[in-house]
C-alpha atoms as a PDB file:
ATOM      1  CA  MET A   1     103.489  63.145 143.171  1.00  0.00           C
ATOM      2  CA  THR A   2     103.119  66.064 140.765  1.00  0.00           C
ATOM      3  CA  VAL A   3     103.379  65.158 137.080  1.00  0.00           C
ATOM      4  CA  MET A   4     105.207  67.439 134.636  1.00  0.00           C
ATOM      5  CA  ILE A   5     103.752  67.284 131.097  1.00  0.00           C
ATOM      6  CA  PRO A   6     105.796  68.930 128.303  1.00  0.00           C
ATOM      7  CA  PHE A   7     104.508  69.903 124.862  1.00  0.00           C
ATOM      8  CA  GLU A   8     105.790  67.242 122.466  1.00  0.00           C
ATOM      9  CA  ASP A   9     105.545  64.221 124.747  1.00  0.00           C
ATOM     10  CA  GLY A  10     102.218  65.479 126.066  1.00  0.00           C
ATOM     11  CA  GLN A  11     100.679  65.318 122.585  1.00  0.00           C
ATOM     12  CA  LYS A  12     101.574  61.701 121.844  1.00  0.00           C
ATOM     13  CA  ASN A  13      98.454  60.085 123.290  1.00  0.00           C
ATOM     14  CA  LEU A  14      95.975  62.817 122.440  1.00  0.00           C
ATOM     15  CA  ASP A  15      93.087  62.528 119.999  1.00  0.00           C
ATOM     16  CA  TRP A  16      90.972  65.422 118.728  1.00  0.00           C
ATOM     17  CA  LEU A  17      87.690  63.532 118.715  1.00  0.00           C
ATOM     18  CA  ALA A  18      88.282  62.112 122.190  1.00  0.00           C
ATOM     19  CA  LEU A  19      89.010  65.625 123.445  1.00  0.00           C
ATOM     20  CA  THR A  20      85.702  66.947 122.104  1.00  0.00           C
ATOM     21  CA  ASP A  21      83.931  64.067 123.845  1.00  0.00           C
ATOM     22  CA  ALA A  22      85.711  65.011 127.082  1.00  0.00           C
ATOM     23  CA  LEU A  23      84.663  68.657 126.694  1.00  0.00           C
ATOM     24  CA  ALA A  24      81.062  67.604 126.099  1.00  0.00           C
ATOM     25  CA  ALA A  25      81.144  65.377 129.196  1.00  0.00           C
ATOM     26  CA  GLY A  26      82.632  68.229 131.229  1.00  0.00           C
ATOM     27  CA  HIS A  27      79.630  70.409 130.398  1.00  0.00           C
ATOM     28  CA  GLU A  28      77.201  67.752 131.587  1.00  0.00           C
ATOM     29  CA  GLY A  29      78.428  68.229 135.150  1.00  0.00           C
ATOM     30  CA  PRO A  30      78.260  71.181 137.544  1.00  0.00           C
ATOM     31  CA  LYS A  31      78.827  74.636 136.117  1.00  0.00           C
ATOM     32  CA  ALA A  32      82.318  76.052 136.499  1.00  0.00           C
ATOM     33  CA  ASP A  33      83.327  78.841 138.840  1.00  0.00           C
ATOM     34  CA  VAL A  34      85.700  81.037 136.807  1.00  0.00           C
ATOM     35  CA  ALA A  35      87.820  84.102 137.586  1.00  0.00           C
ATOM     36  CA  ASP A  36      90.485  86.046 135.688  1.00  0.00           C
ATOM     37  CA  VAL A  37      93.205  88.306 137.117  1.00  0.00           C
ATOM     38  CA  PHE A  38      95.320  90.704 135.028  1.00  0.00           C
ATOM     39  CA  LEU A  39      98.421  92.560 136.236  1.00  0.00           C
ATOM     40  CA  TYR A  40     100.294  95.089 134.103  1.00  0.00           C
ATOM     41  CA  GLU A  41     103.687  96.786 133.974  1.00  0.00           C
ATOM     42  CA  GLY A  42     104.040  98.958 130.904  1.00  0.00           C
ATOM     43  CA  ASP A  43     103.368  96.825 127.837  1.00  0.00           C
ATOM     44  CA  ASN A  44     103.864  93.601 129.798  1.00  0.00           C
ATOM     45  CA  THR A  45     101.031  91.513 131.209  1.00  0.00           C
ATOM     46  CA  LEU A  46     100.580  88.742 133.759  1.00  0.00           C
ATOM     47  CA  LEU A  47      97.356  86.805 133.170  1.00  0.00           C
ATOM     48  CA  ASN A  48      95.906  84.251 135.570  1.00  0.00           C
ATOM     49  CA  ARG A  49      92.769  82.365 134.508  1.00  0.00           C
ATOM     50  CA  SER A  50      91.293  80.119 137.184  1.00  0.00           C
ATOM     51  CA  ALA A  51      88.487  77.564 137.186  1.00  0.00           C
ATOM     52  CA  TRP A  52      86.954  75.165 139.695  1.00  0.00           C
ATOM     53  CA  ILE A  53      84.566  72.419 138.649  1.00  0.00           C
ATOM     54  CA  ALA A  54      83.163  69.916 141.144  1.00  0.00           C
ATOM     55  CA  GLY A  55      84.362  66.473 140.086  1.00  0.00           C
ATOM     56  CA  LEU A  56      87.130  67.752 137.795  1.00  0.00           C
ATOM     57  CA  GLY A  57      89.213  69.793 140.200  1.00  0.00           C
ATOM     58  CA  LEU A  58      90.854  73.191 139.861  1.00  0.00           C
ATOM     59  CA  ALA A  59      93.160  74.796 137.320  1.00  0.00           C
ATOM     60  CA  ILE A  60      95.157  77.990 137.125  1.00  0.00           C
ATOM     61  CA  LYS A  61      96.479  78.957 133.706  1.00  0.00           C
ATOM     62  CA  CYS A  62      99.231  81.509 134.187  1.00  0.00           C
ATOM     63  CA  ALA A  63     100.764  83.408 131.273  1.00  0.00           C
ATOM     64  CA  THR A  64     103.230  86.267 130.876  1.00  0.00           C
ATOM     65  CA  ILE A  65     103.027  88.394 127.730  1.00  0.00           C
ATOM     66  CA  PHE A  66     106.161  90.473 127.018  1.00  0.00           C
ATOM     67  CA  PRO A  67     105.732  91.903 123.468  1.00  0.00           C
ATOM     68  CA  ALA A  68     109.271  93.340 123.293  1.00  0.00           C
ATOM     69  CA  ASN A  69     110.721  89.834 123.503  1.00  0.00           C
ATOM     70  CA  LYS A  70     110.085  89.367 119.774  1.00  0.00           C
ATOM     71  CA  ALA A  71     112.710  91.960 118.884  1.00  0.00           C
ATOM     72  CA  ALA A  72     115.216  90.057 121.003  1.00  0.00           C
ATOM     73  CA  GLY A  73     114.374  86.741 119.384  1.00  0.00           C
ATOM     74  CA  LYS A  74     112.617  85.445 122.500  1.00  0.00           C
ATOM     75  CA  PRO A  75     109.062  84.062 122.848  1.00  0.00           C
ATOM     76  CA  ALA A  76     106.558  86.782 123.681  1.00  0.00           C
ATOM     77  CA  ILE A  77     104.384  84.412 125.727  1.00  0.00           C
ATOM     78  CA  ALA A  78     105.394  82.022 128.493  1.00  0.00           C
ATOM     79  CA  GLY A  79     103.337  80.151 131.032  1.00  0.00           C
ATOM     80  CA  ALA A  80     102.099  76.971 132.614  1.00  0.00           C
ATOM     81  CA  VAL A  81      98.868  75.341 133.727  1.00  0.00           C
ATOM     82  CA  ASN A  82      98.617  74.077 137.297  1.00  0.00           C
ATOM     83  CA  LEU A  83      96.039  71.320 137.719  1.00  0.00           C
ATOM     84  CA  PHE A  84      94.836  70.555 141.248  1.00  0.00           C
ATOM     85  CA  SER A  85      92.813  67.732 142.749  1.00  0.00           C
ATOM     86  CA  GLY A  86      89.281  68.613 143.775  1.00  0.00           C
ATOM     87  CA  LYS A  87      89.445  66.047 146.570  1.00  0.00           C
ATOM     88  CA  ASP A  88      92.371  67.313 148.624  1.00  0.00           C
ATOM     89  CA  GLY A  89      93.781  70.281 146.713  1.00  0.00           C
ATOM     90  CA  ALA A  90      96.980  68.465 145.810  1.00  0.00           C
ATOM     91  CA  LEU A  91      98.877  69.632 142.721  1.00  0.00           C
ATOM     92  CA  ASP A  92      98.207  66.825 140.244  1.00  0.00           C
ATOM     93  CA  ALA A  93     100.146  68.182 137.287  1.00  0.00           C
ATOM     94  CA  ILE A  94     101.983  71.111 135.742  1.00  0.00           C
ATOM     95  CA  LEU A  95     101.275  71.225 132.016  1.00  0.00           C
ATOM     96  CA  ASP A  96     102.970  73.183 129.250  1.00  0.00           C
ATOM     97  CA  PHE A  97     100.998  76.349 128.537  1.00  0.00           C
ATOM     98  CA  ALA A  98     101.160  75.975 124.756  1.00  0.00           C
ATOM     99  CA  LEU A  99     100.039  72.342 124.946  1.00  0.00           C
ATOM    100  CA  VAL A 100      96.834  73.149 126.823  1.00  0.00           C
ATOM    101  CA  THR A 101      96.145  76.280 124.765  1.00  0.00           C
ATOM    102  CA  LYS A 102      96.558  74.510 121.422  1.00  0.00           C
ATOM    103  CA  TRP A 103      94.260  71.624 122.231  1.00  0.00           C
ATOM    104  CA  LYS A 104      91.716  73.720 124.132  1.00  0.00           C
ATOM    105  CA  THR A 105      91.355  76.326 121.394  1.00  0.00           C
ATOM    106  CA  ALA A 106      90.941  74.024 118.396  1.00  0.00           C
ATOM    107  CA  GLY A 107      89.025  71.424 120.411  1.00  0.00           C
ATOM    108  CA  ASP A 108      86.524  74.076 121.499  1.00  0.00           C
ATOM    109  CA  SER A 109      85.737  74.882 117.860  1.00  0.00           C
ATOM    110  CA  LEU A 110      85.718  71.249 116.792  1.00  0.00           C
ATOM    111  CA  LEU A 111      83.117  70.302 119.403  1.00  0.00           C
ATOM    112  CA  ALA A 112      80.740  72.886 117.921  1.00  0.00           C
ATOM    113  CA  ALA A 113      81.544  71.934 114.326  1.00  0.00           C
ATOM    114  CA  ARG A 114      80.873  68.252 114.942  1.00  0.00           C
ATOM    115  CA  ARG A 115      77.332  69.206 115.936  1.00  0.00           C
ATOM    116  CA  LEU A 116      76.590  72.189 113.700  1.00  0.00           C
ATOM    117  CA  ALA A 117      78.480  71.696 110.436  1.00  0.00           C
ATOM    118  CA  ARG A 118      76.955  69.465 107.785  1.00  0.00           C
ATOM    119  CA  SER A 119      78.317  65.931 108.075  1.00  0.00           C
ATOM    120  CA  ASP A 120      79.005  65.949 104.323  1.00  0.00           C
ATOM    121  CA  ALA A 121      81.133  69.117 104.449  1.00  0.00           C
ATOM    122  CA  LYS A 122      83.853  68.785 101.820  1.00  0.00           C
ATOM    123  CA  ASN A 123      85.402  72.260 101.545  1.00  0.00           C
ATOM    124  CA  ILE A 124      86.915  73.812 104.667  1.00  0.00           C
ATOM    125  CA  LEU A 125      88.400  77.304 104.578  1.00  0.00           C
ATOM    126  CA  ILE A 126      90.910  78.397 107.207  1.00  0.00           C
ATOM    127  CA  VAL A 127      91.140  82.181 107.499  1.00  0.00           C
ATOM    128  CA  GLY A 128      94.453  83.087 109.109  1.00  0.00           C
ATOM    129  CA  ALA A 129      97.593  80.962 108.810  1.00  0.00           C
ATOM    130  CA  GLY A 130      99.125  81.513 112.229  1.00  0.00           C
ATOM    131  CA  THR A 131      99.716  79.036 115.032  1.00  0.00           C
ATOM    132  CA  VAL A 132      95.993  78.501 115.577  1.00  0.00           C
ATOM    133  CA  GLY A 133      95.500  77.956 111.851  1.00  0.00           C
ATOM    134  CA  HIS A 134      97.915  75.022 112.018  1.00  0.00           C
ATOM    135  CA  SER A 135      95.975  73.552 114.954  1.00  0.00           C
ATOM    136  CA  LEU A 136      92.675  73.983 113.117  1.00  0.00           C
ATOM    137  CA  ARG A 137      94.001  72.032 110.134  1.00  0.00           C
ATOM    138  CA  GLU A 138      94.878  69.157 112.478  1.00  0.00           C
ATOM    139  CA  ALA A 139      91.608  69.255 114.385  1.00  0.00           C
ATOM    140  CA  TYR A 140      89.211  69.616 111.446  1.00  0.00           C
ATOM    141  CA  GLY A 141      91.169  67.003 109.534  1.00  0.00           C
ATOM    142  CA  ALA A 142      90.395  64.499 112.274  1.00  0.00           C
ATOM    143  CA  ALA A 143      86.635  65.087 112.074  1.00  0.00           C
ATOM    144  CA  PHE A 144      86.408  65.659 108.307  1.00  0.00           C
ATOM    145  CA  PRO A 145      89.092  63.366 106.852  1.00  0.00           C
ATOM    146  CA  ASP A 146      87.760  63.592 103.281  1.00  0.00           C
ATOM    147  CA  ALA A 147      87.564  67.386 103.179  1.00  0.00           C
ATOM    148  CA  GLN A 148      89.624  69.648 100.921  1.00  0.00           C
ATOM    149  CA  PHE A 149      91.303  72.457 102.872  1.00  0.00           C
ATOM    150  CA  THR A 150      92.008  75.980 101.666  1.00  0.00           C
ATOM    151  CA  VAL A 151      93.770  78.809 103.522  1.00  0.00           C
ATOM    152  CA  TRP A 152      93.471  82.550 103.072  1.00  0.00           C
ATOM    153  CA  ASN A 153      95.969  84.787 104.824  1.00  0.00           C
ATOM    154  CA  ARG A 154      96.767  88.486 104.530  1.00  0.00           C
ATOM    155  CA  SER A 155     100.347  87.628 103.611  1.00  0.00           C
ATOM    156  CA  ARG A 156     101.195  85.034 100.987  1.00  0.00           C
ATOM    157  CA  ALA A 157     104.236  83.987 103.039  1.00  0.00           C
ATOM    158  CA  GLY A 158     102.065  82.965 105.969  1.00  0.00           C
ATOM    159  CA  ALA A 159      99.794  80.902 103.743  1.00  0.00           C
ATOM    160  CA  GLU A 160     102.807  79.217 102.169  1.00  0.00           C
ATOM    161  CA  ALA A 161     104.155  78.315 105.614  1.00  0.00           C
ATOM    162  CA  LEU A 162     100.898  76.524 106.409  1.00  0.00           C
ATOM    163  CA  GLN A 163     100.995  74.820 103.024  1.00  0.00           C
ATOM    164  CA  LYS A 164     104.526  73.638 103.740  1.00  0.00           C
ATOM    165  CA  ALA A 165     103.295  71.980 106.930  1.00  0.00           C
ATOM    166  CA  PHE A 166     100.232  70.540 105.156  1.00  0.00           C
ATOM    167  CA  PRO A 167     101.083  70.108 101.428  1.00  0.00           C
ATOM    168  CA  ASP A 168      97.508  69.168 100.494  1.00  0.00           C
ATOM    169  CA  ILE A 169      96.142  72.574 101.488  1.00  0.00           C
ATOM    170  CA  ALA A 170      95.307  75.063  98.725  1.00  0.00           C
ATOM    171  CA  ILE A 171      95.976  78.803  98.935  1.00  0.00           C
ATOM    172  CA  ALA A 172      93.125  81.203  98.209  1.00  0.00           C
ATOM    173  CA  GLU A 173      93.954  84.506  96.545  1.00  0.00           C
ATOM    174  CA  ASP A 174      90.565  86.163  97.152  1.00  0.00           C
ATOM    175  CA  LEU A 175      88.733  85.902 100.465  1.00  0.00           C
ATOM    176  CA  GLU A 176      85.243  86.558  99.093  1.00  0.00           C
ATOM    177  CA  THR A 177      85.577  83.823  96.479  1.00  0.00           C
ATOM    178  CA  ALA A 178      86.968  81.393  99.043  1.00  0.00           C
ATOM    179  CA  VAL A 179      84.176  82.072 101.548  1.00  0.00           C
ATOM    180  CA  LYS A 180      81.472  81.559  98.931  1.00  0.00           C
ATOM    181  CA  ALA A 181      82.974  78.175  97.936  1.00  0.00           C
ATOM    182  CA  ALA A 182      83.382  76.774 101.466  1.00  0.00           C
ATOM    183  CA  ASP A 183      81.136  74.492 103.508  1.00  0.00           C
ATOM    184  CA  VAL A 184      82.941  75.447 106.722  1.00  0.00           C
ATOM    185  CA  ILE A 185      84.776  78.716 107.394  1.00  0.00           C
ATOM    186  CA  THR A 186      87.026  78.697 110.460  1.00  0.00           C
ATOM    187  CA  SER A 187      88.643  82.052 111.198  1.00  0.00           C
ATOM    188  CA  ALA A 188      91.519  82.843 113.559  1.00  0.00           C
ATOM    189  CA  THR A 189      92.793  86.334 112.811  1.00  0.00           C
ATOM    190  CA  MET A 190      93.829  89.377 114.849  1.00  0.00           C
ATOM    191  CA  THR A 191      91.597  91.790 112.965  1.00  0.00           C
ATOM    192  CA  THR A 192      89.584  94.479 114.734  1.00  0.00           C
ATOM    193  CA  GLN A 193      87.442  95.225 111.678  1.00  0.00           C
ATOM    194  CA  PRO A 194      85.138  92.577 110.146  1.00  0.00           C
ATOM    195  CA  ILE A 195      86.734  90.838 107.174  1.00  0.00           C
ATOM    196  CA  ILE A 196      84.004  88.236 106.522  1.00  0.00           C
ATOM    197  CA  LYS A 197      80.810  89.724 105.117  1.00  0.00           C
ATOM    198  CA  GLY A 198      77.336  88.335 105.635  1.00  0.00           C
ATOM    199  CA  ALA A 199      76.555  89.017 101.973  1.00  0.00           C
ATOM    200  CA  TRP A 200      79.122  86.362 101.032  1.00  0.00           C
ATOM    201  CA  LEU A 201      77.577  83.553 103.092  1.00  0.00           C
ATOM    202  CA  GLN A 202      75.874  80.651 101.358  1.00  0.00           C
ATOM    203  CA  PRO A 203      73.081  78.277 102.484  1.00  0.00           C
ATOM    204  CA  GLY A 204      74.292  75.378 104.602  1.00  0.00           C
ATOM    205  CA  GLN A 205      77.563  76.919 105.752  1.00  0.00           C
ATOM    206  CA  HIS A 206      79.049  76.741 109.244  1.00  0.00           C
ATOM    207  CA  ILE A 207      81.149  79.683 110.424  1.00  0.00           C
ATOM    208  CA  ASP A 208      83.601  79.188 113.290  1.00  0.00           C
ATOM    209  CA  LEU A 209      85.053  82.379 114.809  1.00  0.00           C
ATOM    210  CA  ILE A 210      88.111  82.215 117.040  1.00  0.00           C
ATOM    211  CA  GLY A 211      90.286  85.280 116.561  1.00  0.00           C
ATOM    212  CA  ALA A 212      88.425  88.068 118.343  1.00  0.00           C
ATOM    213  CA  TYR A 213      89.111  87.995 122.080  1.00  0.00           C
ATOM    214  CA  ARG A 214      89.041  91.669 123.076  1.00  0.00           C
ATOM    215  CA  PRO A 215      86.088  94.104 123.263  1.00  0.00           C
ATOM    216  CA  ASP A 216      87.360  95.945 120.161  1.00  0.00           C
ATOM    217  CA  MET A 217      87.828  92.899 117.911  1.00  0.00           C
ATOM    218  CA  ARG A 218      85.499  91.421 115.280  1.00  0.00           C
ATOM    219  CA  GLU A 219      85.898  89.007 112.363  1.00  0.00           C
ATOM    220  CA  VAL A 220      82.377  89.156 110.837  1.00  0.00           C
ATOM    221  CA  ASP A 221      79.922  91.979 110.198  1.00  0.00           C
ATOM    222  CA  ASP A 222      76.411  92.513 111.572  1.00  0.00           C
ATOM    223  CA  ASP A 223      74.815  90.933 108.524  1.00  0.00           C
ATOM    224  CA  ALA A 224      76.652  87.652 109.103  1.00  0.00           C
ATOM    225  CA  LEU A 225      75.314  87.424 112.654  1.00  0.00           C
ATOM    226  CA  ASN A 226      71.766  88.166 111.583  1.00  0.00           C
ATOM    227  CA  ARG A 227      71.812  85.657 108.721  1.00  0.00           C
ATOM    228  CA  ALA A 228      72.968  82.814 110.966  1.00  0.00           C
ATOM    229  CA  ARG A 229      71.798  80.786 113.938  1.00  0.00           C
ATOM    230  CA  VAL A 230      74.351  81.895 116.547  1.00  0.00           C
ATOM    231  CA  PHE A 231      75.969  79.725 119.229  1.00  0.00           C
ATOM    232  CA  VAL A 232      78.769  80.347 121.758  1.00  0.00           C
ATOM    233  CA  ASP A 233      80.926  78.198 124.001  1.00  0.00           C
ATOM    234  CA  SER A 234      80.070  80.292 127.079  1.00  0.00           C
ATOM    235  CA  ARG A 235      77.609  83.140 127.405  1.00  0.00           C
ATOM    236  CA  GLU A 236      79.568  84.525 130.375  1.00  0.00           C
ATOM    237  CA  THR A 237      82.890  84.808 128.533  1.00  0.00           C
ATOM    238  CA  THR A 238      81.625  86.054 125.166  1.00  0.00           C
ATOM    239  CA  ILE A 239      78.481  88.201 125.131  1.00  0.00           C
ATOM    240  CA  GLY A 240      79.632  91.011 127.401  1.00  0.00           C
ATOM    241  CA  HIS A 241      83.359  90.722 126.795  1.00  0.00           C
ATOM    242  CA  ILE A 242      84.182  90.095 123.126  1.00  0.00           C
ATOM    243  CA  GLY A 243      83.557  92.640 120.381  1.00  0.00           C
ATOM    244  CA  GLU A 244      82.183  90.018 117.997  1.00  0.00           C
ATOM    245  CA  LEU A 245      78.955  90.135 120.013  1.00  0.00           C
ATOM    246  CA  LYS A 246      79.387  93.045 122.409  1.00  0.00           C
ATOM    247  CA  ILE A 247      79.662  95.714 119.696  1.00  0.00           C
ATOM    248  CA  PRO A 248      76.583  94.765 117.626  1.00  0.00           C
ATOM    249  CA  ILE A 249      74.509  94.170 120.763  1.00  0.00           C
ATOM    250  CA  ALA A 250      75.446  97.620 122.093  1.00  0.00           C
ATOM    251  CA  SER A 251      74.580  99.276 118.767  1.00  0.00           C
ATOM    252  CA  GLY A 252      71.272  97.434 118.511  1.00  0.00           C
ATOM    253  CA  ALA A 253      72.337  95.652 115.327  1.00  0.00           C
ATOM    254  CA  PHE A 254      72.044  92.247 116.995  1.00  0.00           C
ATOM    255  CA  ASP A 255      69.785  91.039 119.791  1.00  0.00           C
ATOM    256  CA  GLU A 256      71.428  89.100 122.607  1.00  0.00           C
ATOM    257  CA  ARG A 257      68.420  86.764 122.523  1.00  0.00           C
ATOM    258  CA  GLY A 258      69.695  85.659 119.126  1.00  0.00           C
ATOM    259  CA  VAL A 259      72.372  83.592 120.873  1.00  0.00           C
ATOM    260  CA  ILE A 260      70.673  80.217 120.873  1.00  0.00           C
ATOM    261  CA  ALA A 261      72.829  78.214 123.287  1.00  0.00           C
ATOM    262  CA  ASP A 262      76.224  77.674 124.859  1.00  0.00           C
ATOM    263  CA  PHE A 263      77.998  74.434 125.744  1.00  0.00           C
ATOM    264  CA  TYR A 264      75.937  74.014 128.915  1.00  0.00           C
ATOM    265  CA  GLN A 265      72.985  73.576 126.536  1.00  0.00           C
ATOM    266  CA  LEU A 266      74.649  71.147 124.143  1.00  0.00           C
ATOM    267  CA  ASP A 267      71.359  69.417 123.389  1.00  0.00           C
ATOM    268  CA  GLN A 268      70.446  72.576 121.437  1.00  0.00           C
ATOM    269  CA  PHE A 269      73.571  72.434 119.256  1.00  0.00           C
ATOM    270  CA  GLN A 270      71.708  70.991 116.303  1.00  0.00           C
ATOM    271  CA  ARG A 271      71.397  71.754 112.617  1.00  0.00           C
ATOM    272  CA  HIS A 272      67.728  71.830 111.641  1.00  0.00           C
ATOM    273  CA  ASN A 273      68.233  71.517 107.886  1.00  0.00           C
ATOM    274  CA  THR A 274      70.919  71.499 105.215  1.00  0.00           C
ATOM    275  CA  ASP A 275      70.316  75.099 104.151  1.00  0.00           C
ATOM    276  CA  GLU A 276      70.554  77.027 107.389  1.00  0.00           C
ATOM    277  CA  ILE A 277      73.722  78.955 108.241  1.00  0.00           C
ATOM    278  CA  THR A 278      75.226  78.277 111.666  1.00  0.00           C
ATOM    279  CA  LEU A 279      77.770  80.485 113.423  1.00  0.00           C
ATOM    280  CA  PHE A 280      79.831  79.649 116.510  1.00  0.00           C
ATOM    281  CA  LYS A 281      81.869  82.072 118.606  1.00  0.00           C
ATOM    282  CA  ASN A 282      84.813  80.426 120.365  1.00  0.00           C
ATOM    283  CA  GLY A 283      85.626  82.589 123.372  1.00  0.00           C
ATOM    284  CA  GLY A 284      87.716  80.171 125.376  1.00  0.00           C
ATOM    285  CA  GLY A 285      87.690  80.347 129.152  1.00  0.00           C
ATOM    286  CA  ALA A 286      89.461  78.838 132.126  1.00  0.00           C
ATOM    287  CA  HIS A 287      86.829  76.119 132.514  1.00  0.00           C
ATOM    288  CA  LEU A 288      87.768  74.787 129.066  1.00  0.00           C
ATOM    289  CA  ASP A 289      91.458  74.895 130.037  1.00  0.00           C
ATOM    290  CA  LEU A 290      90.588  72.833 133.105  1.00  0.00           C
ATOM    291  CA  MET A 291      88.624  70.257 131.113  1.00  0.00           C
ATOM    292  CA  THR A 292      91.402  70.032 128.543  1.00  0.00           C
ATOM    293  CA  ALA A 293      94.150  69.752 131.154  1.00  0.00           C
ATOM    294  CA  ARG A 294      92.293  66.949 132.914  1.00  0.00           C
ATOM    295  CA  TYR A 295      91.879  65.107 129.593  1.00  0.00           C
ATOM    296  CA  ILE A 296      95.592  65.516 128.836  1.00  0.00           C
ATOM    297  CA  LEU A 297      96.587  64.211 132.268  1.00  0.00           C
ATOM    298  CA  GLU A 298      94.329  61.174 131.906  1.00  0.00           C
ATOM    299  CA  ALA A 299      95.738  60.455 128.451  1.00  0.00           C
ATOM    300  CA  TRP A 300      99.282  60.884 129.807  1.00  0.00           C
ATOM    301  CA  SER A 301      98.496  58.439 132.585  1.00  0.00           C
ATOM    302  CA  GLY A 302      97.009  55.921 130.144  1.00  0.00           C
ATOM    303  CA  SER A 303      93.497  56.255 131.533  1.00  0.00           C
ATOM    304  CA  VAL A 304      91.865  57.052 128.175  1.00  0.00           C
END
């Protein structure tokens, strides 16, 4: 029987740290087979991201993006995740698109931060106060419960909305000052031009980059990449596809060999000393949606 998992009820049994453990375990098994399909009609898009992992099954994350819906007061994005059994192909569950996306995106970054950020990190800066920014406050708060959180956002109103949801968060007026004071910088913006400068980075920091997902998007400059030890969640979905790495590699400003490891090499996700700067590029990918969906289904069923 196919299970239907909605957003609010689907979150009740979930735990950020348990999710990162599930993602780590998923990368210990066979490598995923992943494929994306895009269809377009004018400004509207149909996106299908598919993954198949032996032992975990199959998933298809389907999303429609209709930008004009915003003007009509309707959601711009709709979708669902279909999770199939790897044993007989049966449809195990249909999960809310936003549920899987929220937990996959922030959980992806948190897995890296748990291994690369200093364990004594006390100041965490969130750059960008959108939907992902809210998720990052939840996720990082679970792993760093004693940390002080600060948000910087282009608009004061957006920062205040995040502060309303999390009253203990402080609002930064100046990005450079906030970056220099942070132990962890987690950025989820829609910028195409770098807004975080390598010259601002301090010894011992961990930088977590989420926002850039297209070939023309970047959140940090070349200097930031070259000052840090660089890690990614998946070489296949980041290096040749996302501007954060694709642009500086193409220009010769950054060497692809500078990417130390991805999640299939988790044993290399280590901080060597308290002074080094680490940088992680969260690119997402259907295999992470599959791992997250399977974790959510098991939690829903009371198996974890």
